[in-house]
């Protein structure tokens, strides 16, 4: 997240991790994990669905 330098979509994070981003089902577990991290305060979820790192 911090390497991106700005808000990123789940798809971009999946690409960086080497996940198969063409299949939506492969990204949903990642989206759930990122949302959980946002709920715990590690990430910030913007209203447009993008995530940023907390500073």
Protein backbone atom coordinates (compact mmCIF):
# COMPACT_ATOMS: atom_id res chain seq x y z
CA UNK A 1 0.00 0.00 0.00
CA UNK A 2 2.70 2.46 0.92
CA UNK A 3 4.70 1.65 -2.21
CA UNK A 4 1.73 2.67 -4.35
CA UNK A 5 1.86 6.21 -3.03
CA UNK A 6 -1.90 6.70 -3.13
CA UNK A 7 -5.27 4.99 -3.06
CA UNK A 8 -5.33 1.57 -4.72
CA UNK A 9 -8.03 -0.81 -5.81
CA UNK A 10 -8.16 -4.43 -4.71
CA UNK A 11 -7.36 -5.48 -8.28
CA UNK A 12 -4.04 -3.60 -8.21
CA UNK A 13 -3.07 -5.24 -4.92
CA UNK A 14 -4.01 -8.65 -6.35
CA UNK A 15 -1.82 -8.03 -9.40
CA UNK A 16 1.10 -7.09 -7.16
CA UNK A 17 0.61 -10.27 -5.13
CA UNK A 18 0.48 -12.40 -8.27
CA UNK A 19 -3.17 -13.41 -7.98
CA UNK A 20 -5.32 -14.25 -10.97
CA UNK A 21 -7.19 -10.94 -11.25
CA UNK A 22 -9.28 -11.91 -14.29
CA UNK A 23 -11.42 -14.16 -12.09
CA UNK A 24 -13.54 -12.17 -9.67
CA UNK A 25 -13.74 -15.03 -7.18
CA UNK A 26 -9.98 -14.87 -6.67
CA UNK A 27 -10.18 -11.23 -5.52
CA UNK A 28 -13.10 -11.52 -3.10
CA UNK A 29 -11.08 -13.17 -0.30
CA UNK A 30 -8.46 -10.43 -0.68
CA UNK A 31 -11.18 -7.76 -0.57
CA UNK A 32 -12.52 -9.32 2.64
CA UNK A 33 -9.06 -9.33 4.23
CA UNK A 34 -8.44 -5.72 3.26
CA UNK A 35 -11.84 -4.68 4.62
CA UNK A 36 -11.05 -6.47 7.88
CA UNK A 37 -7.74 -4.61 8.10
CA UNK A 38 -9.62 -1.36 7.51
CA UNK A 39 -12.07 -2.21 10.29
CA UNK A 40 -9.13 -2.80 12.63
CA UNK A 41 -7.51 0.52 11.70
CA UNK A 42 -4.55 -0.77 9.69
CA UNK A 43 -5.93 0.53 6.39
CA UNK A 44 -8.39 3.23 5.41
CA UNK A 45 -11.25 2.34 3.05
CA UNK A 46 -12.45 5.26 0.98
CA UNK A 47 -16.09 5.64 -0.13
CA UNK A 48 -15.08 4.86 -3.73
CA UNK A 49 -13.84 1.40 -2.65
CA UNK A 50 -10.12 2.16 -2.81
CA UNK A 51 -7.79 1.55 0.10
CA UNK A 52 -4.96 3.64 1.50
CA UNK A 53 -2.38 2.97 4.20
CA UNK A 54 -2.80 4.63 7.57
CA UNK A 55 0.13 6.86 8.40
